[in-house]
All heavy atoms as atom14 arrays in JSON, in Angstrom:
{
  "sequence": "ARLGEEVERVVEAGCEVVHVDVMDNHYVPNLTIGPLVCA",
  "atom14_mask": [
    [1, 1, 1, 1, 1, 0, 0, 0, 0, 0, 0, 0, 0, 0],
    [1, 1, 1, 1, 1, 1, 1, 1, 1, 1, 1, 0, 0, 0],
    [1, 1, 1, 1, 1, 1, 1, 1, 0, 0, 0, 0, 0, 0],
    [1, 1, 1, 1, 0, 0, 0, 0, 0, 0, 0, 0, 0, 0],
    [1, 1, 1, 1, 1, 1, 1, 1, 1, 0, 0, 0, 0, 0],
    [1, 1, 1, 1, 1, 1, 1, 1, 1, 0, 0, 0, 0, 0],
    [1, 1, 1, 1, 1, 1, 1, 0, 0, 0, 0, 0, 0, 0],
    [1, 1, 1, 1, 1, 1, 1, 1, 1, 0, 0, 0, 0, 0],
    [1, 1, 1, 1, 1, 1, 1, 1, 1, 1, 1, 0, 0, 0],
    [1, 1, 1, 1, 1, 1, 1, 0, 0, 0, 0, 0, 0, 0],
    [1, 1, 1, 1, 1, 1, 1, 0, 0, 0, 0, 0, 0, 0],
    [1, 1, 1, 1, 1, 1, 1, 1, 1, 0, 0, 0, 0, 0],
    [1, 1, 1, 1, 1, 0, 0, 0, 0, 0, 0, 0, 0, 0],
    [1, 1, 1, 1, 0, 0, 0, 0, 0, 0, 0, 0, 0, 0],
    [1, 1, 1, 1, 1, 1, 0, 0, 0, 0, 0, 0, 0, 0],
    [1, 1, 1, 1, 1, 1, 1, 1, 1, 0, 0, 0, 0, 0],
    [1, 1, 1, 1, 1, 1, 1, 0, 0, 0, 0, 0, 0, 0],
    [1, 1, 1, 1, 1, 1, 1, 0, 0, 0, 0, 0, 0, 0],
    [1, 1, 1, 1, 1, 1, 1, 1, 1, 1, 0, 0, 0, 0],
    [1, 1, 1, 1, 1, 1, 1, 0, 0, 0, 0, 0, 0, 0],
    [1, 1, 1, 1, 1, 1, 1, 1, 0, 0, 0, 0, 0, 0],
    [1, 1, 1, 1, 1, 1, 1, 0, 0, 0, 0, 0, 0, 0],
    [1, 1, 1, 1, 1, 1, 1, 1, 0, 0, 0, 0, 0, 0],
    [1, 1, 1, 1, 1, 1, 1, 1, 0, 0, 0, 0, 0, 0],
    [1, 1, 1, 1, 1, 1, 1, 1, 0, 0, 0, 0, 0, 0],
    [1, 1, 1, 1, 1, 1, 1, 1, 1, 1, 0, 0, 0, 0],
    [1, 1, 1, 1, 1, 1, 1, 1, 1, 1, 1, 1, 0, 0],
    [1, 1, 1, 1, 1, 1, 1, 0, 0, 0, 0, 0, 0, 0],
    [1, 1, 1, 1, 1, 1, 1, 0, 0, 0, 0, 0, 0, 0],
    [1, 1, 1, 1, 1, 1, 1, 1, 0, 0, 0, 0, 0, 0],
    [1, 1, 1, 1, 1, 1, 1, 1, 0, 0, 0, 0, 0, 0],
    [1, 1, 1, 1, 1, 1, 1, 0, 0, 0, 0, 0, 0, 0],
    [1, 1, 1, 1, 1, 1, 1, 1, 0, 0, 0, 0, 0, 0],
    [1, 1, 1, 1, 0, 0, 0, 0, 0, 0, 0, 0, 0, 0],
    [1, 1, 1, 1, 1, 1, 1, 0, 0, 0, 0, 0, 0, 0],
    [1, 1, 1, 1, 1, 1, 1, 1, 0, 0, 0, 0, 0, 0],
    [1, 1, 1, 1, 1, 1, 1, 0, 0, 0, 0, 0, 0, 0],
    [1, 1, 1, 1, 1, 1, 0, 0, 0, 0, 0, 0, 0, 0],
    [1, 1, 1, 1, 1, 0, 0, 0, 0, 0, 0, 0, 0, 0]
  ],
  "atom14_positions": [
    [[-0.39, 27.05, 36.56], [0.43, 28.04, 37.25], [1.74, 28.3, 36.5], [2.38, 29.32, 36.71], [0.74, 27.57, 38.67], [0.0, 0.0, 0.0], [0.0, 0.0, 0.0], [0.0, 0.0, 0.0], [0.0, 0.0, 0.0], [0.0, 0.0, 0.0], [0.0, 0.0, 0.0], [0.0, 0.0, 0.0], [0.0, 0.0, 0.0], [0.0, 0.0, 0.0]],
    [[2.13, 27.37, 35.61], [3.33, 27.55, 34.8], [3.08, 27.07, 33.37], [3.85, 26.31, 32.8], [4.52, 26.83, 35.43], [4.32, 25.36, 35.72], [5.47, 24.78, 36.53], [5.36, 23.33, 36.66], [5.97, 22.45, 35.87], [6.74, 22.89, 34.89], [5.84, 21.17, 36.06], [0.0, 0.0, 0.0], [0.0, 0.0, 0.0], [0.0, 0.0, 0.0]],
    [[1.99, 27.56, 32.81], [1.52, 27.04, 31.54], [2.51, 27.27, 30.4], [2.76, 26.37, 29.58], [0.16, 27.66, 31.19], [-0.52, 27.14, 29.91], [-0.69, 25.62, 29.99], [-1.86, 27.83, 29.71], [0.0, 0.0, 0.0], [0.0, 0.0, 0.0], [0.0, 0.0, 0.0], [0.0, 0.0, 0.0], [0.0, 0.0, 0.0], [0.0, 0.0, 0.0]],
    [[3.09, 28.45, 30.34], [4.05, 28.72, 29.27], [5.22, 27.75, 29.31], [5.65, 27.23, 28.27], [0.0, 0.0, 0.0], [0.0, 0.0, 0.0], [0.0, 0.0, 0.0], [0.0, 0.0, 0.0], [0.0, 0.0, 0.0], [0.0, 0.0, 0.0], [0.0, 0.0, 0.0], [0.0, 0.0, 0.0], [0.0, 0.0, 0.0], [0.0, 0.0, 0.0]],
    [[5.73, 27.49, 30.49], [6.83, 26.55, 30.64], [6.4, 25.14, 30.27], [7.16, 24.39, 29.64], [7.33, 26.58, 32.09], [8.51, 25.67, 32.36], [8.94, 25.7, 33.82], [8.53, 26.64, 34.54], [9.67, 24.78, 34.24], [0.0, 0.0, 0.0], [0.0, 0.0, 0.0], [0.0, 0.0, 0.0], [0.0, 0.0, 0.0], [0.0, 0.0, 0.0]],
    [[5.2, 24.76, 30.64], [4.69, 23.43, 30.31], [4.63, 23.25, 28.79], [5.02, 22.2, 28.26], [3.29, 23.25, 30.91], [3.25, 23.13, 32.43], [3.42, 21.7, 32.89], [4.57, 21.2, 32.83], [2.42, 21.1, 33.32], [0.0, 0.0, 0.0], [0.0, 0.0, 0.0], [0.0, 0.0, 0.0], [0.0, 0.0, 0.0], [0.0, 0.0, 0.0]],
    [[4.14, 24.26, 28.09], [4.07, 24.2, 26.63], [5.47, 24.05, 26.04], [5.72, 23.21, 25.15], [3.36, 25.44, 26.07], [3.55, 25.55, 24.56], [1.87, 25.41, 26.42], [0.0, 0.0, 0.0], [0.0, 0.0, 0.0], [0.0, 0.0, 0.0], [0.0, 0.0, 0.0], [0.0, 0.0, 0.0], [0.0, 0.0, 0.0], [0.0, 0.0, 0.0]],
    [[6.4, 24.83, 26.52], [7.76, 24.76, 26.0], [8.38, 23.39, 26.23], [9.08, 22.85, 25.37], [8.62, 25.85, 26.65], [8.25, 27.25, 26.19], [8.96, 28.34, 26.96], [9.59, 28.01, 28.0], [8.9, 29.5, 26.53], [0.0, 0.0, 0.0], [0.0, 0.0, 0.0], [0.0, 0.0, 0.0], [0.0, 0.0, 0.0], [0.0, 0.0, 0.0]],
    [[8.09, 22.79, 27.38], [8.72, 21.51, 27.7], [8.16, 20.35, 26.88], [8.9, 19.45, 26.52], [8.58, 21.24, 29.2], [9.51, 22.12, 30.03], [9.55, 21.74, 31.49], [10.66, 22.41, 32.16], [11.0, 22.2, 33.43], [10.3, 21.34, 34.17], [12.02, 22.85, 33.96], [0.0, 0.0, 0.0], [0.0, 0.0, 0.0], [0.0, 0.0, 0.0]],
    [[6.87, 20.36, 26.59], [6.35, 19.26, 25.76], [6.85, 19.39, 24.33], [7.09, 18.38, 23.65], [4.8, 19.15, 25.81], [4.34, 18.67, 27.17], [4.12, 20.44, 25.39], [0.0, 0.0, 0.0], [0.0, 0.0, 0.0], [0.0, 0.0, 0.0], [0.0, 0.0, 0.0], [0.0, 0.0, 0.0], [0.0, 0.0, 0.0], [0.0, 0.0, 0.0]],
    [[7.02, 20.63, 23.86], [7.56, 20.82, 22.51], [9.03, 20.42, 22.48], [9.48, 19.75, 21.54], [7.34, 22.27, 22.05], [8.04, 22.51, 20.71], [5.86, 22.58, 21.94], [0.0, 0.0, 0.0], [0.0, 0.0, 0.0], [0.0, 0.0, 0.0], [0.0, 0.0, 0.0], [0.0, 0.0, 0.0], [0.0, 0.0, 0.0], [0.0, 0.0, 0.0]],
    [[9.78, 20.78, 23.51], [11.18, 20.36, 23.6], [11.3, 18.84, 23.62], [12.27, 18.27, 23.1], [11.82, 20.93, 24.87], [12.08, 22.43, 24.81], [12.47, 23.0, 26.17], [12.54, 22.21, 27.14], [12.7, 24.22, 26.25], [0.0, 0.0, 0.0], [0.0, 0.0, 0.0], [0.0, 0.0, 0.0], [0.0, 0.0, 0.0], [0.0, 0.0, 0.0]],
    [[10.3, 18.16, 24.19], [10.32, 16.71, 24.28], [10.01, 16.04, 22.94], [10.16, 14.82, 22.81], [9.32, 16.23, 25.33], [0.0, 0.0, 0.0], [0.0, 0.0, 0.0], [0.0, 0.0, 0.0], [0.0, 0.0, 0.0], [0.0, 0.0, 0.0], [0.0, 0.0, 0.0], [0.0, 0.0, 0.0], [0.0, 0.0, 0.0], [0.0, 0.0, 0.0]],
    [[9.54, 16.81, 21.97], [9.3, 16.24, 20.65], [7.85, 16.27, 20.19], [7.52, 15.63, 19.18], [0.0, 0.0, 0.0], [0.0, 0.0, 0.0], [0.0, 0.0, 0.0], [0.0, 0.0, 0.0], [0.0, 0.0, 0.0], [0.0, 0.0, 0.0], [0.0, 0.0, 0.0], [0.0, 0.0, 0.0], [0.0, 0.0, 0.0], [0.0, 0.0, 0.0]],
    [[6.98, 17.0, 20.86], [5.59, 17.12, 20.42], [5.47, 18.26, 19.42], [6.03, 19.33, 19.63], [4.67, 17.36, 21.62], [4.66, 16.01, 22.82], [0.0, 0.0, 0.0], [0.0, 0.0, 0.0], [0.0, 0.0, 0.0], [0.0, 0.0, 0.0], [0.0, 0.0, 0.0], [0.0, 0.0, 0.0], [0.0, 0.0, 0.0], [0.0, 0.0, 0.0]],
    [[4.71, 18.02, 18.35], [4.6, 19.0, 17.28], [3.38, 19.89, 17.39], [3.3, 20.93, 16.72], [4.55, 18.3, 15.91], [5.73, 17.42, 15.61], [5.55, 15.98, 16.08], [4.6, 15.73, 16.87], [6.35, 15.13, 15.68], [0.0, 0.0, 0.0], [0.0, 0.0, 0.0], [0.0, 0.0, 0.0], [0.0, 0.0, 0.0], [0.0, 0.0, 0.0]],
    [[2.39, 19.48, 18.17], [1.1, 20.17, 18.24], [0.76, 20.43, 19.7], [1.0, 19.59, 20.57], [-0.01, 19.29, 17.6], [-1.37, 19.99, 17.67], [0.34, 18.94, 16.16], [0.0, 0.0, 0.0], [0.0, 0.0, 0.0], [0.0, 0.0, 0.0], [0.0, 0.0, 0.0], [0.0, 0.0, 0.0], [0.0, 0.0, 0.0], [0.0, 0.0, 0.0]],
    [[0.2, 21.61, 19.97], [-0.33, 21.93, 21.3], [-1.84, 21.99, 21.18], [-2.39, 22.79, 20.41], [0.23, 23.28, 21.81], [-0.41, 23.65, 23.15], [1.75, 23.21, 21.95], [0.0, 0.0, 0.0], [0.0, 0.0, 0.0], [0.0, 0.0, 0.0], [0.0, 0.0, 0.0], [0.0, 0.0, 0.0], [0.0, 0.0, 0.0], [0.0, 0.0, 0.0]],
    [[-2.53, 21.12, 21.93], [-3.98, 20.99, 21.83], [-4.64, 21.82, 22.92], [-4.32, 21.68, 24.11], [-4.36, 19.51, 21.99], [-5.78, 19.21, 21.68], [-6.26, 19.07, 20.39], [-6.86, 19.02, 22.49], [-7.55, 18.8, 20.42], [-7.93, 18.76, 21.67], [0.0, 0.0, 0.0], [0.0, 0.0, 0.0], [0.0, 0.0, 0.0], [0.0, 0.0, 0.0]],
    [[-5.57, 22.67, 22.52], [-6.24, 23.61, 23.44], [-7.72, 23.25, 23.5], [-8.46, 23.45, 22.53], [-6.05, 25.07, 22.97], [-6.77, 26.02, 23.92], [-4.56, 25.41, 22.89], [0.0, 0.0, 0.0], [0.0, 0.0, 0.0], [0.0, 0.0, 0.0], [0.0, 0.0, 0.0], [0.0, 0.0, 0.0], [0.0, 0.0, 0.0], [0.0, 0.0, 0.0]],
    [[-8.16, 22.71, 24.63], [-9.56, 22.31, 24.82], [-10.36, 23.47, 25.39], [-10.11, 23.92, 26.51], [-9.64, 21.12, 25.78], [-9.2, 19.82, 25.11], [-9.71, 19.53, 24.02], [-8.35, 19.11, 25.67], [0.0, 0.0, 0.0], [0.0, 0.0, 0.0], [0.0, 0.0, 0.0], [0.0, 0.0, 0.0], [0.0, 0.0, 0.0], [0.0, 0.0, 0.0]],
    [[-11.34, 23.93, 24.63], [-12.17, 25.07, 25.03], [-13.57, 24.55, 25.35], [-14.28, 24.04, 24.48], [-12.24, 26.12, 23.89], [-13.09, 27.31, 24.32], [-10.83, 26.56, 23.5], [0.0, 0.0, 0.0], [0.0, 0.0, 0.0], [0.0, 0.0, 0.0], [0.0, 0.0, 0.0], [0.0, 0.0, 0.0], [0.0, 0.0, 0.0], [0.0, 0.0, 0.0]],
    [[-13.97, 24.66, 26.62], [-15.26, 24.16, 27.09], [-16.05, 25.29, 27.73], [-15.48, 26.17, 28.39], [-15.06, 23.03, 28.09], [-14.17, 21.91, 27.58], [-14.0, 20.59, 28.79], [-12.71, 19.6, 28.03], [0.0, 0.0, 0.0], [0.0, 0.0, 0.0], [0.0, 0.0, 0.0], [0.0, 0.0, 0.0], [0.0, 0.0, 0.0], [0.0, 0.0, 0.0]],
    [[-17.38, 25.26, 27.55], [-18.19, 26.41, 27.92], [-19.19, 26.18, 29.05], [-20.01, 27.06, 29.34], [-18.94, 26.91, 26.68], [-19.95, 25.89, 26.15], [-20.01, 24.76, 26.67], [-20.68, 26.24, 25.2], [0.0, 0.0, 0.0], [0.0, 0.0, 0.0], [0.0, 0.0, 0.0], [0.0, 0.0, 0.0], [0.0, 0.0, 0.0], [0.0, 0.0, 0.0]],
    [[-19.18, 24.99, 29.66], [-20.18, 24.65, 30.68], [-21.6, 24.75, 30.14], [-22.56, 25.0, 30.87], [-20.02, 25.53, 31.93], [-20.76, 24.95, 33.13], [-20.85, 23.73, 33.28], [-21.29, 25.81, 33.98], [0.0, 0.0, 0.0], [0.0, 0.0, 0.0], [0.0, 0.0, 0.0], [0.0, 0.0, 0.0], [0.0, 0.0, 0.0], [0.0, 0.0, 0.0]],
    [[-21.74, 24.53, 28.84], [-23.04, 24.59, 28.19], [-23.16, 23.41, 27.22], [-23.96, 22.51, 27.44], [-23.21, 25.93, 27.45], [-24.52, 26.08, 26.74], [-25.73, 26.08, 27.39], [-24.79, 26.25, 25.42], [-26.69, 26.22, 26.49], [-26.16, 26.33, 25.3], [0.0, 0.0, 0.0], [0.0, 0.0, 0.0], [0.0, 0.0, 0.0], [0.0, 0.0, 0.0]],
    [[-22.31, 23.4, 26.21], [-22.27, 22.23, 25.33], [-21.69, 21.02, 26.05], [-22.11, 19.88, 25.82], [-21.45, 22.56, 24.08], [-21.32, 21.38, 23.14], [-22.44, 20.88, 22.45], [-20.1, 20.74, 22.95], [-22.33, 19.79, 21.61], [-19.99, 19.65, 22.11], [-21.11, 19.18, 21.45], [-21.0, 18.09, 20.62], [0.0, 0.0, 0.0], [0.0, 0.0, 0.0]],
    [[-20.7, 21.26, 26.89], [-20.13, 20.21, 27.74], [-20.13, 20.69, 29.2], [-20.12, 21.89, 29.46], [-18.7, 19.84, 27.31], [-18.71, 19.18, 25.95], [-17.79, 21.05, 27.31], [0.0, 0.0, 0.0], [0.0, 0.0, 0.0], [0.0, 0.0, 0.0], [0.0, 0.0, 0.0], [0.0, 0.0, 0.0], [0.0, 0.0, 0.0], [0.0, 0.0, 0.0]],
    [[-20.12, 19.75, 30.16], [-20.24, 20.14, 31.57], [-18.9, 20.51, 32.2], [-18.45, 19.9, 33.17], [-20.82, 18.87, 32.22], [-20.27, 17.76, 31.4], [-20.22, 18.29, 29.99], [0.0, 0.0, 0.0], [0.0, 0.0, 0.0], [0.0, 0.0, 0.0], [0.0, 0.0, 0.0], [0.0, 0.0, 0.0], [0.0, 0.0, 0.0], [0.0, 0.0, 0.0]],
    [[-18.24, 21.5, 31.64], [-17.0, 21.97, 32.21], [-16.72, 23.35, 31.64], [-17.26, 23.72, 30.59], [-15.84, 21.01, 31.87], [-14.64, 21.17, 32.8], [-14.63, 22.04, 33.66], [-13.64, 20.32, 32.62], [0.0, 0.0, 0.0], [0.0, 0.0, 0.0], [0.0, 0.0, 0.0], [0.0, 0.0, 0.0], [0.0, 0.0, 0.0], [0.0, 0.0, 0.0]],
    [[-15.9, 24.12, 32.33], [-15.55, 25.47, 31.91], [-14.03, 25.58, 31.94], [-13.41, 25.34, 32.98], [-16.18, 26.5, 32.84], [-15.98, 27.98, 32.5], [-16.67, 28.32, 31.18], [-16.54, 28.85, 33.63], [0.0, 0.0, 0.0], [0.0, 0.0, 0.0], [0.0, 0.0, 0.0], [0.0, 0.0, 0.0], [0.0, 0.0, 0.0], [0.0, 0.0, 0.0]],
    [[-13.43, 25.9, 30.78], [-11.97, 25.91, 30.75], [-11.41, 27.28, 30.4], [-11.39, 28.16, 31.24], [-11.44, 24.81, 29.8], [-11.98, 25.03, 28.48], [-11.84, 23.42, 30.28], [0.0, 0.0, 0.0], [0.0, 0.0, 0.0], [0.0, 0.0, 0.0], [0.0, 0.0, 0.0], [0.0, 0.0, 0.0], [0.0, 0.0, 0.0], [0.0, 0.0, 0.0]],
    [[-10.97, 27.47, 29.15], [-10.2, 28.66, 28.82], [-10.76, 29.37, 27.6], [-11.57, 28.82, 26.86], [-8.72, 28.3, 28.57], [-8.61, 27.33, 27.39], [-8.11, 27.69, 29.82], [-7.2, 26.94, 27.05], [0.0, 0.0, 0.0], [0.0, 0.0, 0.0], [0.0, 0.0, 0.0], [0.0, 0.0, 0.0], [0.0, 0.0, 0.0], [0.0, 0.0, 0.0]],
    [[-10.29, 30.61, 27.42], [-10.74, 31.4, 26.28], [-9.57, 31.86, 25.43], [-8.43, 31.41, 25.6], [0.0, 0.0, 0.0], [0.0, 0.0, 0.0], [0.0, 0.0, 0.0], [0.0, 0.0, 0.0], [0.0, 0.0, 0.0], [0.0, 0.0, 0.0], [0.0, 0.0, 0.0], [0.0, 0.0, 0.0], [0.0, 0.0, 0.0], [0.0, 0.0, 0.0]],
    [[-9.82, 32.77, 24.5], [-8.79, 33.21, 23.56], [-7.57, 33.84, 24.21], [-6.47, 33.76, 23.66], [-9.53, 34.23, 22.68], [-10.98, 33.9, 22.82], [-11.14, 33.36, 24.2], [0.0, 0.0, 0.0], [0.0, 0.0, 0.0], [0.0, 0.0, 0.0], [0.0, 0.0, 0.0], [0.0, 0.0, 0.0], [0.0, 0.0, 0.0], [0.0, 0.0, 0.0]],
    [[-7.73, 34.47, 25.38], [-6.58, 35.12, 26.01], [-5.49, 34.12, 26.37], [-4.3, 34.43, 26.31], [-7.03, 35.89, 27.26], [-7.86, 37.15, 27.0], [-8.29, 37.78, 28.33], [-7.08, 38.15, 26.16], [0.0, 0.0, 0.0], [0.0, 0.0, 0.0], [0.0, 0.0, 0.0], [0.0, 0.0, 0.0], [0.0, 0.0, 0.0], [0.0, 0.0, 0.0]],
    [[-5.88, 32.91, 26.77], [-4.89, 31.89, 27.1], [-4.16, 31.44, 25.83], [-2.95, 31.27, 25.81], [-5.55, 30.69, 27.81], [-4.54, 29.56, 28.01], [-6.11, 31.14, 29.16], [0.0, 0.0, 0.0], [0.0, 0.0, 0.0], [0.0, 0.0, 0.0], [0.0, 0.0, 0.0], [0.0, 0.0, 0.0], [0.0, 0.0, 0.0], [0.0, 0.0, 0.0]],
    [[-4.91, 31.27, 24.76], [-4.3, 30.92, 23.48], [-3.3, 32.0, 23.05], [-2.18, 31.7, 22.62], [-5.39, 30.74, 22.43], [-4.79, 30.25, 20.79], [0.0, 0.0, 0.0], [0.0, 0.0, 0.0], [0.0, 0.0, 0.0], [0.0, 0.0, 0.0], [0.0, 0.0, 0.0], [0.0, 0.0, 0.0], [0.0, 0.0, 0.0], [0.0, 0.0, 0.0]],
    [[-3.69, 33.25, 23.19], [-2.81, 34.37, 22.83], [-1.57, 34.4, 23.72], [-0.48, 34.78, 23.26], [-3.57, 35.69, 22.93], [0.0, 0.0, 0.0], [0.0, 0.0, 0.0], [0.0, 0.0, 0.0], [0.0, 0.0, 0.0], [0.0, 0.0, 0.0], [0.0, 0.0, 0.0], [0.0, 0.0, 0.0], [0.0, 0.0, 0.0], [0.0, 0.0, 0.0]]
  ]
}
C-alpha cells in the first residue's frame, strides 16, 4: 500500500539493492508482480 515509501526507506537505511521477486503461479506456487511495479 506504500511500496514507493518502503523502497525509499530501506535505501535510506543503507541498503544498496532492491530485490524484486517475480512469481507466476506456474513455475512456483505463488503470484506476485509484473513489470509495471518495477517501472
